[in-house]
N, C-alpha and C. Protein backbone atom coordinates (compact mmCIF):
# COMPACT_ATOMS: atom_id res chain seq x y z
N MET A 1 0.62 -4.50 -11.19
CA MET A 1 1.77 -5.23 -10.76
C MET A 1 2.99 -4.64 -11.44
N ILE A 2 3.94 -4.22 -10.64
CA ILE A 2 5.15 -3.60 -11.14
C ILE A 2 6.33 -4.26 -10.44
N LYS A 3 7.39 -4.52 -11.19
CA LYS A 3 8.59 -5.09 -10.59
C LYS A 3 9.61 -3.98 -10.40
N VAL A 4 9.95 -3.69 -9.13
CA VAL A 4 10.91 -2.65 -8.79
C VAL A 4 11.99 -3.28 -7.92
N PHE A 5 13.23 -3.17 -8.34
CA PHE A 5 14.37 -3.71 -7.61
C PHE A 5 14.19 -5.19 -7.28
N GLY A 6 13.63 -5.94 -8.21
CA GLY A 6 13.47 -7.37 -8.03
C GLY A 6 12.28 -7.79 -7.19
N LYS A 7 11.50 -6.83 -6.69
CA LYS A 7 10.33 -7.16 -5.87
C LYS A 7 9.07 -6.77 -6.62
N LEU A 8 8.07 -7.61 -6.53
CA LEU A 8 6.79 -7.33 -7.19
C LEU A 8 5.92 -6.48 -6.28
N ARG A 9 5.34 -5.44 -6.86
CA ARG A 9 4.42 -4.56 -6.13
C ARG A 9 3.04 -4.66 -6.76
N TYR A 10 2.04 -4.85 -5.92
CA TYR A 10 0.66 -4.96 -6.36
C TYR A 10 -0.09 -3.75 -5.81
N HIS A 11 -0.48 -2.83 -6.66
CA HIS A 11 -1.10 -1.58 -6.21
C HIS A 11 -2.55 -1.80 -5.80
N TRP A 12 -2.98 -1.07 -4.79
CA TRP A 12 -4.34 -1.17 -4.25
C TRP A 12 -4.83 0.21 -3.86
N GLN A 13 -6.12 0.30 -3.62
CA GLN A 13 -6.77 1.50 -3.09
C GLN A 13 -7.60 1.06 -1.87
N PRO A 14 -7.73 1.92 -0.86
CA PRO A 14 -8.56 1.56 0.30
C PRO A 14 -10.04 1.59 -0.04
N GLU A 15 -10.87 1.50 0.96
CA GLU A 15 -12.32 1.52 0.74
C GLU A 15 -12.72 2.74 -0.09
N LEU A 16 -13.79 2.61 -0.81
CA LEU A 16 -14.19 3.61 -1.79
C LEU A 16 -14.44 4.98 -1.15
N SER A 17 -15.06 5.03 0.01
CA SER A 17 -15.34 6.32 0.65
C SER A 17 -14.04 7.04 1.03
N PHE A 18 -13.09 6.31 1.59
CA PHE A 18 -11.80 6.90 1.96
C PHE A 18 -11.04 7.36 0.72
N THR A 19 -11.11 6.58 -0.34
CA THR A 19 -10.43 6.94 -1.59
C THR A 19 -11.00 8.22 -2.18
N MET A 20 -12.32 8.33 -2.19
CA MET A 20 -12.95 9.54 -2.74
C MET A 20 -12.59 10.78 -1.92
N ILE A 21 -12.63 10.65 -0.62
CA ILE A 21 -12.27 11.79 0.24
C ILE A 21 -10.82 12.18 0.03
N TYR A 22 -9.92 11.21 -0.03
CA TYR A 22 -8.50 11.51 -0.20
C TYR A 22 -8.23 12.23 -1.52
N TRP A 23 -8.77 11.68 -2.62
CA TRP A 23 -8.46 12.29 -3.91
C TRP A 23 -9.12 13.65 -4.07
N CYS A 24 -10.29 13.86 -3.46
CA CYS A 24 -10.89 15.20 -3.50
C CYS A 24 -10.04 16.20 -2.74
N LEU A 25 -9.54 15.80 -1.58
CA LEU A 25 -8.69 16.70 -0.81
C LEU A 25 -7.33 16.93 -1.47
N SER A 26 -6.84 15.95 -2.20
CA SER A 26 -5.53 16.12 -2.84
C SER A 26 -5.61 17.00 -4.09
N VAL A 27 -6.77 17.08 -4.71
CA VAL A 27 -6.93 17.91 -5.91
C VAL A 27 -7.28 19.36 -5.54
N THR A 28 -7.77 19.58 -4.34
CA THR A 28 -8.17 20.91 -3.90
C THR A 28 -7.04 21.94 -3.98
N PRO A 29 -5.80 21.64 -3.57
CA PRO A 29 -4.74 22.67 -3.65
C PRO A 29 -4.46 23.17 -5.06
N ILE A 30 -4.60 22.34 -6.07
CA ILE A 30 -4.32 22.81 -7.43
C ILE A 30 -5.39 23.81 -7.87
N PHE A 31 -6.64 23.59 -7.47
CA PHE A 31 -7.68 24.54 -7.83
C PHE A 31 -7.50 25.88 -7.10
N ILE A 32 -7.13 25.81 -5.84
CA ILE A 32 -6.86 27.05 -5.10
C ILE A 32 -5.65 27.76 -5.72
N SER A 33 -4.64 26.99 -6.09
CA SER A 33 -3.46 27.57 -6.72
C SER A 33 -3.81 28.24 -8.04
N LEU A 34 -4.64 27.60 -8.84
CA LEU A 34 -5.05 28.20 -10.11
C LEU A 34 -5.90 29.45 -9.89
N ALA A 35 -6.75 29.44 -8.85
CA ALA A 35 -7.55 30.63 -8.56
C ALA A 35 -6.65 31.79 -8.13
N LEU A 36 -5.63 31.51 -7.32
CA LEU A 36 -4.69 32.55 -6.93
C LEU A 36 -3.88 33.05 -8.13
N LEU A 37 -3.56 32.15 -9.01
CA LEU A 37 -2.81 32.52 -10.21
C LEU A 37 -3.66 33.39 -11.14
N TYR A 38 -4.94 33.11 -11.18
CA TYR A 38 -5.86 33.89 -12.01
C TYR A 38 -6.03 35.31 -11.46
N GLU A 39 -5.99 35.44 -10.15
CA GLU A 39 -6.14 36.75 -9.51
C GLU A 39 -4.93 37.66 -9.76
N ASN A 40 -3.74 37.11 -9.78
CA ASN A 40 -2.52 37.88 -9.95
C ASN A 40 -1.95 37.66 -11.35
N THR A 41 -1.19 38.62 -11.82
CA THR A 41 -0.55 38.44 -13.13
C THR A 41 0.79 37.72 -13.02
N SER A 42 1.34 37.67 -11.82
CA SER A 42 2.60 36.95 -11.63
C SER A 42 2.37 35.76 -10.71
N ILE A 43 3.29 34.82 -10.77
CA ILE A 43 3.17 33.62 -9.94
C ILE A 43 3.57 33.98 -8.51
N SER A 44 2.65 33.81 -7.58
CA SER A 44 2.95 34.11 -6.19
C SER A 44 3.52 32.87 -5.49
N THR A 45 4.15 33.07 -4.38
CA THR A 45 4.73 31.95 -3.65
C THR A 45 3.66 31.03 -3.08
N SER A 46 2.51 31.58 -2.73
CA SER A 46 1.44 30.73 -2.18
C SER A 46 0.89 29.78 -3.25
N SER A 47 0.75 30.24 -4.50
CA SER A 47 0.27 29.33 -5.53
C SER A 47 1.33 28.29 -5.86
N PHE A 48 2.60 28.66 -5.78
CA PHE A 48 3.67 27.70 -6.01
C PHE A 48 3.70 26.64 -4.90
N VAL A 49 3.53 27.06 -3.66
CA VAL A 49 3.51 26.12 -2.53
C VAL A 49 2.31 25.19 -2.64
N LEU A 50 1.16 25.71 -3.02
CA LEU A 50 -0.03 24.86 -3.19
C LEU A 50 0.15 23.85 -4.32
N PHE A 51 0.84 24.25 -5.38
CA PHE A 51 1.12 23.32 -6.46
C PHE A 51 2.06 22.20 -5.99
N ILE A 52 3.05 22.54 -5.18
CA ILE A 52 3.96 21.53 -4.63
C ILE A 52 3.21 20.58 -3.71
N ILE A 53 2.27 21.10 -2.91
CA ILE A 53 1.45 20.26 -2.04
C ILE A 53 0.60 19.30 -2.87
N PHE A 54 0.04 19.79 -3.98
CA PHE A 54 -0.75 18.95 -4.88
C PHE A 54 0.11 17.81 -5.44
N VAL A 55 1.29 18.12 -5.92
CA VAL A 55 2.18 17.09 -6.49
C VAL A 55 2.56 16.07 -5.42
N LEU A 56 2.84 16.53 -4.22
CA LEU A 56 3.20 15.65 -3.12
C LEU A 56 2.05 14.71 -2.75
N LEU A 57 0.83 15.24 -2.67
CA LEU A 57 -0.33 14.41 -2.33
C LEU A 57 -0.64 13.38 -3.42
N VAL A 58 -0.46 13.76 -4.67
CA VAL A 58 -0.67 12.79 -5.76
C VAL A 58 0.38 11.70 -5.70
N TRP A 59 1.63 12.06 -5.42
CA TRP A 59 2.68 11.06 -5.32
C TRP A 59 2.41 10.09 -4.17
N ILE A 60 1.98 10.63 -3.03
CA ILE A 60 1.65 9.78 -1.88
C ILE A 60 0.47 8.87 -2.21
N GLY A 61 -0.49 9.37 -2.99
CA GLY A 61 -1.66 8.57 -3.35
C GLY A 61 -1.34 7.37 -4.20
N PHE A 62 -0.25 7.45 -4.97
CA PHE A 62 0.14 6.32 -5.81
C PHE A 62 1.13 5.39 -5.12
N GLN A 63 1.45 5.61 -3.88
CA GLN A 63 2.42 4.78 -3.16
C GLN A 63 1.73 3.74 -2.28
N ARG A 64 0.62 3.21 -2.71
CA ARG A 64 -0.07 2.17 -1.95
C ARG A 64 0.11 0.85 -2.70
N TYR A 65 0.80 -0.09 -2.07
CA TYR A 65 1.03 -1.36 -2.74
C TYR A 65 1.32 -2.46 -1.73
N PHE A 66 1.16 -3.71 -2.18
CA PHE A 66 1.49 -4.89 -1.41
C PHE A 66 2.84 -5.41 -1.87
N GLU A 67 3.58 -5.98 -0.94
CA GLU A 67 4.77 -6.76 -1.25
C GLU A 67 4.69 -8.06 -0.46
N ILE A 68 4.87 -9.17 -1.16
CA ILE A 68 4.88 -10.47 -0.50
C ILE A 68 6.33 -10.87 -0.30
N SER A 69 6.71 -11.10 0.94
CA SER A 69 8.08 -11.49 1.24
C SER A 69 8.29 -12.93 0.80
N GLU A 70 9.39 -13.17 0.12
CA GLU A 70 9.65 -14.52 -0.40
C GLU A 70 10.31 -15.41 0.65
N ASP A 71 11.06 -14.83 1.57
CA ASP A 71 11.79 -15.65 2.53
C ASP A 71 11.21 -15.58 3.94
N GLU A 72 10.25 -14.70 4.17
CA GLU A 72 9.64 -14.57 5.49
C GLU A 72 8.13 -14.81 5.38
N ASP A 73 7.50 -14.89 6.53
CA ASP A 73 6.06 -15.09 6.62
C ASP A 73 5.37 -13.73 6.76
N MET A 74 5.63 -12.83 5.80
CA MET A 74 5.12 -11.46 5.91
C MET A 74 4.48 -10.98 4.61
N LEU A 75 3.41 -10.23 4.78
CA LEU A 75 2.77 -9.49 3.70
C LEU A 75 2.85 -8.03 4.09
N PHE A 76 3.58 -7.26 3.29
CA PHE A 76 3.76 -5.84 3.59
C PHE A 76 2.73 -5.03 2.81
N SER A 77 2.02 -4.17 3.52
CA SER A 77 1.05 -3.27 2.91
C SER A 77 1.58 -1.86 3.09
N ARG A 78 2.10 -1.30 2.02
CA ARG A 78 2.74 0.02 2.08
C ARG A 78 1.72 1.10 1.81
N GLY A 79 1.92 2.25 2.40
CA GLY A 79 1.05 3.40 2.19
C GLY A 79 0.87 4.18 3.47
N LEU A 80 0.25 5.33 3.37
CA LEU A 80 0.04 6.17 4.54
C LEU A 80 -1.42 6.15 5.00
N VAL A 81 -2.14 5.11 4.67
CA VAL A 81 -3.54 5.01 5.05
C VAL A 81 -3.61 4.40 6.45
N PRO A 82 -4.18 5.13 7.42
CA PRO A 82 -4.26 4.58 8.77
C PRO A 82 -5.15 3.33 8.82
N GLY A 83 -4.64 2.29 9.45
CA GLY A 83 -5.39 1.06 9.57
C GLY A 83 -5.18 0.08 8.43
N TYR A 84 -4.65 0.52 7.32
CA TYR A 84 -4.43 -0.35 6.17
C TYR A 84 -2.95 -0.69 5.98
N ALA A 85 -2.09 0.25 6.24
CA ALA A 85 -0.67 0.02 6.03
C ALA A 85 -0.09 -0.75 7.21
N GLY A 86 0.90 -1.56 6.92
CA GLY A 86 1.57 -2.31 7.97
C GLY A 86 1.94 -3.70 7.52
N LYS A 87 2.33 -4.51 8.48
CA LYS A 87 2.74 -5.88 8.21
C LYS A 87 1.64 -6.83 8.63
N THR A 88 1.45 -7.88 7.85
CA THR A 88 0.51 -8.93 8.19
C THR A 88 1.25 -10.25 8.06
N VAL A 89 1.13 -11.10 9.04
CA VAL A 89 1.73 -12.42 8.97
C VAL A 89 0.84 -13.28 8.08
N ILE A 90 1.44 -13.87 7.06
CA ILE A 90 0.66 -14.61 6.05
C ILE A 90 -0.03 -15.82 6.68
N SER A 91 0.60 -16.47 7.64
CA SER A 91 0.00 -17.66 8.25
C SER A 91 -1.22 -17.32 9.11
N THR A 92 -1.41 -16.04 9.48
CA THR A 92 -2.60 -15.67 10.26
C THR A 92 -3.79 -15.29 9.38
N ILE A 93 -3.61 -15.26 8.07
CA ILE A 93 -4.73 -14.95 7.17
C ILE A 93 -5.63 -16.18 7.10
N SER A 94 -6.88 -16.01 7.52
CA SER A 94 -7.80 -17.14 7.56
C SER A 94 -8.58 -17.29 6.25
N LYS A 95 -8.89 -16.17 5.61
CA LYS A 95 -9.69 -16.26 4.39
C LYS A 95 -9.44 -15.04 3.53
N ILE A 96 -9.50 -15.25 2.22
CA ILE A 96 -9.45 -14.17 1.25
C ILE A 96 -10.68 -14.30 0.37
N GLN A 97 -11.47 -13.23 0.32
CA GLN A 97 -12.63 -13.20 -0.56
C GLN A 97 -12.27 -12.33 -1.76
N VAL A 98 -12.54 -12.84 -2.94
CA VAL A 98 -12.23 -12.13 -4.17
C VAL A 98 -13.52 -11.81 -4.89
N SER A 99 -13.74 -10.52 -5.15
CA SER A 99 -14.90 -10.10 -5.95
C SER A 99 -14.38 -9.48 -7.23
N LYS A 100 -15.28 -8.96 -8.01
CA LYS A 100 -14.89 -8.40 -9.31
C LYS A 100 -13.99 -7.19 -9.15
N ARG A 101 -14.20 -6.37 -8.14
CA ARG A 101 -13.46 -5.13 -7.99
C ARG A 101 -12.51 -5.10 -6.79
N ALA A 102 -12.67 -6.01 -5.85
CA ALA A 102 -11.90 -5.90 -4.61
C ALA A 102 -11.54 -7.26 -4.05
N ILE A 103 -10.65 -7.23 -3.08
CA ILE A 103 -10.37 -8.41 -2.27
C ILE A 103 -10.58 -8.02 -0.81
N ILE A 104 -11.02 -8.99 -0.04
CA ILE A 104 -11.22 -8.78 1.39
C ILE A 104 -10.32 -9.79 2.10
N ILE A 105 -9.44 -9.29 2.95
CA ILE A 105 -8.49 -10.14 3.66
C ILE A 105 -8.90 -10.23 5.12
N PHE A 106 -9.17 -11.46 5.58
CA PHE A 106 -9.52 -11.73 6.97
C PHE A 106 -8.30 -12.31 7.66
N SER A 107 -7.92 -11.71 8.78
CA SER A 107 -6.77 -12.22 9.54
C SER A 107 -7.06 -12.08 11.03
N ASP A 108 -6.07 -12.44 11.85
CA ASP A 108 -6.25 -12.30 13.29
C ASP A 108 -6.36 -10.84 13.70
N LYS A 109 -5.64 -9.96 13.02
CA LYS A 109 -5.71 -8.53 13.31
C LYS A 109 -7.05 -7.93 12.93
N SER A 110 -7.60 -8.38 11.82
CA SER A 110 -8.88 -7.84 11.33
C SER A 110 -9.85 -8.98 11.04
N PRO A 111 -10.57 -9.44 12.08
CA PRO A 111 -11.50 -10.56 11.89
C PRO A 111 -12.70 -10.19 11.01
N LYS A 112 -13.03 -8.89 10.93
CA LYS A 112 -14.13 -8.47 10.05
C LYS A 112 -13.67 -8.29 8.62
N GLY A 113 -12.38 -8.23 8.40
CA GLY A 113 -11.83 -8.12 7.07
C GLY A 113 -11.52 -6.70 6.67
N LYS A 114 -10.53 -6.57 5.81
CA LYS A 114 -10.17 -5.28 5.24
C LYS A 114 -10.39 -5.35 3.73
N ILE A 115 -11.01 -4.31 3.20
CA ILE A 115 -11.32 -4.26 1.78
C ILE A 115 -10.21 -3.51 1.06
N PHE A 116 -9.66 -4.13 0.03
CA PHE A 116 -8.65 -3.50 -0.82
C PHE A 116 -9.16 -3.56 -2.26
N TYR A 117 -9.30 -2.40 -2.88
CA TYR A 117 -9.73 -2.35 -4.27
C TYR A 117 -8.51 -2.46 -5.17
N MET A 118 -8.62 -3.34 -6.16
CA MET A 118 -7.53 -3.55 -7.10
C MET A 118 -8.10 -3.75 -8.50
N ARG A 119 -7.24 -3.49 -9.48
CA ARG A 119 -7.64 -3.76 -10.85
C ARG A 119 -7.56 -5.26 -11.12
N LYS A 120 -8.08 -5.68 -12.27
CA LYS A 120 -8.25 -7.10 -12.57
C LYS A 120 -6.93 -7.88 -12.54
N TRP A 121 -5.96 -7.49 -13.35
CA TRP A 121 -4.76 -8.31 -13.48
C TRP A 121 -3.83 -8.23 -12.29
N PRO A 122 -3.58 -7.08 -11.70
CA PRO A 122 -2.76 -7.11 -10.48
C PRO A 122 -3.40 -7.94 -9.37
N LYS A 123 -4.72 -7.90 -9.30
CA LYS A 123 -5.42 -8.67 -8.28
C LYS A 123 -5.25 -10.17 -8.52
N LYS A 124 -5.36 -10.58 -9.77
CA LYS A 124 -5.21 -12.00 -10.10
C LYS A 124 -3.81 -12.49 -9.75
N TYR A 125 -2.78 -11.74 -10.13
CA TYR A 125 -1.41 -12.15 -9.84
C TYR A 125 -1.11 -12.09 -8.34
N PHE A 126 -1.68 -11.10 -7.65
CA PHE A 126 -1.48 -11.00 -6.20
C PHE A 126 -2.10 -12.20 -5.50
N VAL A 127 -3.35 -12.52 -5.83
CA VAL A 127 -4.02 -13.64 -5.17
C VAL A 127 -3.31 -14.94 -5.51
N ASP A 128 -2.89 -15.12 -6.76
CA ASP A 128 -2.18 -16.33 -7.14
C ASP A 128 -0.88 -16.51 -6.36
N SER A 129 -0.09 -15.44 -6.27
CA SER A 129 1.18 -15.56 -5.57
C SER A 129 0.99 -15.70 -4.07
N LEU A 130 -0.07 -15.11 -3.52
CA LEU A 130 -0.33 -15.24 -2.08
C LEU A 130 -0.81 -16.65 -1.74
N VAL A 131 -1.69 -17.21 -2.57
CA VAL A 131 -2.21 -18.55 -2.30
C VAL A 131 -1.12 -19.60 -2.50
N LYS A 132 -0.22 -19.39 -3.46
CA LYS A 132 0.87 -20.35 -3.70
C LYS A 132 2.00 -20.23 -2.69
N ASN A 133 1.96 -19.20 -1.83
CA ASN A 133 2.99 -19.03 -0.82
C ASN A 133 2.93 -20.19 0.16
N ASP A 134 4.08 -20.67 0.59
CA ASP A 134 4.15 -21.83 1.49
C ASP A 134 3.52 -21.56 2.85
N TYR A 135 3.54 -20.32 3.29
CA TYR A 135 3.03 -19.98 4.62
C TYR A 135 1.51 -19.80 4.66
N PHE A 136 0.87 -19.65 3.51
CA PHE A 136 -0.57 -19.40 3.47
C PHE A 136 -1.33 -20.67 3.79
N LYS A 137 -2.22 -20.61 4.80
CA LYS A 137 -2.99 -21.78 5.22
C LYS A 137 -4.49 -21.51 5.21
N GLY A 138 -4.89 -20.37 4.71
CA GLY A 138 -6.30 -19.99 4.71
C GLY A 138 -7.03 -20.56 3.50
N GLU A 139 -8.20 -19.98 3.25
CA GLU A 139 -9.00 -20.42 2.12
C GLU A 139 -9.28 -19.23 1.20
N LEU A 140 -9.55 -19.54 -0.05
CA LEU A 140 -9.87 -18.55 -1.05
C LEU A 140 -11.33 -18.73 -1.45
N GLU A 141 -12.08 -17.63 -1.42
CA GLU A 141 -13.51 -17.70 -1.74
C GLU A 141 -13.83 -16.65 -2.80
N LEU A 142 -14.51 -17.08 -3.86
CA LEU A 142 -14.96 -16.16 -4.90
C LEU A 142 -16.36 -15.71 -4.56
N ILE A 143 -16.59 -14.39 -4.50
CA ILE A 143 -17.91 -13.87 -4.17
C ILE A 143 -18.41 -13.02 -5.34
N GLY A 144 -19.69 -12.89 -5.45
CA GLY A 144 -20.28 -12.11 -6.53
C GLY A 144 -20.71 -13.00 -7.67
N LYS A 145 -21.05 -12.37 -8.78
CA LYS A 145 -21.49 -13.10 -9.95
C LYS A 145 -20.32 -13.86 -10.56
N THR A 146 -20.59 -15.05 -11.02
CA THR A 146 -19.54 -15.83 -11.68
C THR A 146 -19.70 -15.65 -13.18
N ASP A 147 -19.21 -14.56 -13.69
CA ASP A 147 -19.26 -14.28 -15.12
C ASP A 147 -17.89 -14.55 -15.73
N HIS A 148 -17.64 -14.00 -16.89
CA HIS A 148 -16.38 -14.27 -17.59
C HIS A 148 -15.16 -13.82 -16.81
N TYR A 149 -15.34 -12.91 -15.86
CA TYR A 149 -14.21 -12.43 -15.06
C TYR A 149 -13.61 -13.55 -14.23
N PHE A 150 -14.45 -14.41 -13.67
CA PHE A 150 -13.97 -15.46 -12.80
C PHE A 150 -13.52 -16.70 -13.56
N ASN A 151 -13.69 -16.73 -14.86
CA ASN A 151 -13.25 -17.90 -15.62
C ASN A 151 -11.75 -18.13 -15.47
N THR A 152 -10.98 -17.09 -15.32
CA THR A 152 -9.53 -17.28 -15.15
C THR A 152 -9.24 -18.00 -13.84
N TYR A 153 -10.01 -17.73 -12.80
CA TYR A 153 -9.82 -18.42 -11.53
C TYR A 153 -10.33 -19.85 -11.60
N GLN A 154 -11.49 -20.04 -12.25
CA GLN A 154 -12.06 -21.37 -12.33
C GLN A 154 -11.22 -22.29 -13.19
N ASP A 155 -10.62 -21.78 -14.26
CA ASP A 155 -9.75 -22.60 -15.09
C ASP A 155 -8.52 -23.03 -14.31
N ASP A 156 -7.97 -22.14 -13.51
CA ASP A 156 -6.82 -22.47 -12.68
C ASP A 156 -7.18 -23.48 -11.60
N LYS A 157 -8.41 -23.39 -11.10
CA LYS A 157 -8.85 -24.31 -10.05
C LYS A 157 -8.97 -25.73 -10.58
N LYS A 158 -9.41 -25.87 -11.86
CA LYS A 158 -9.56 -27.19 -12.47
C LYS A 158 -8.20 -27.86 -12.66
N LYS A 159 -7.17 -27.06 -12.92
CA LYS A 159 -5.83 -27.65 -13.11
C LYS A 159 -5.28 -28.08 -11.78
């Protein structure tokens, strides 16, 4: 969770298979660039271009985040991941399932749900702010083992 220009951003990653493929492909140009650099004694333009491509892909990889609109009925999912990025109307979200590593959001657009992997604390703050939103009418479900990780949710539920 990062606050930029007064808006809270909650970073996420797509499904694990897509994440692994993306990061493997984004690291490939740096290895090719280093191999080209090893072959020549001077820095060639192709190795420089591959290094720039690597930096660009890493930057794009870190630009995946949620923004909850405070004055509208919108949840913005930013990023260049096809099928994951876009706008979701908060009132159409029917259920949110929270597990230890991910959240699954069920809405009218995606009745089977979309999996978003998040770290512990950004996920907790994201779910809290989404559930407390006036437009949210769905339900929250905790899935998986109920160990010490879920105690923060259960304590909040008791209050």
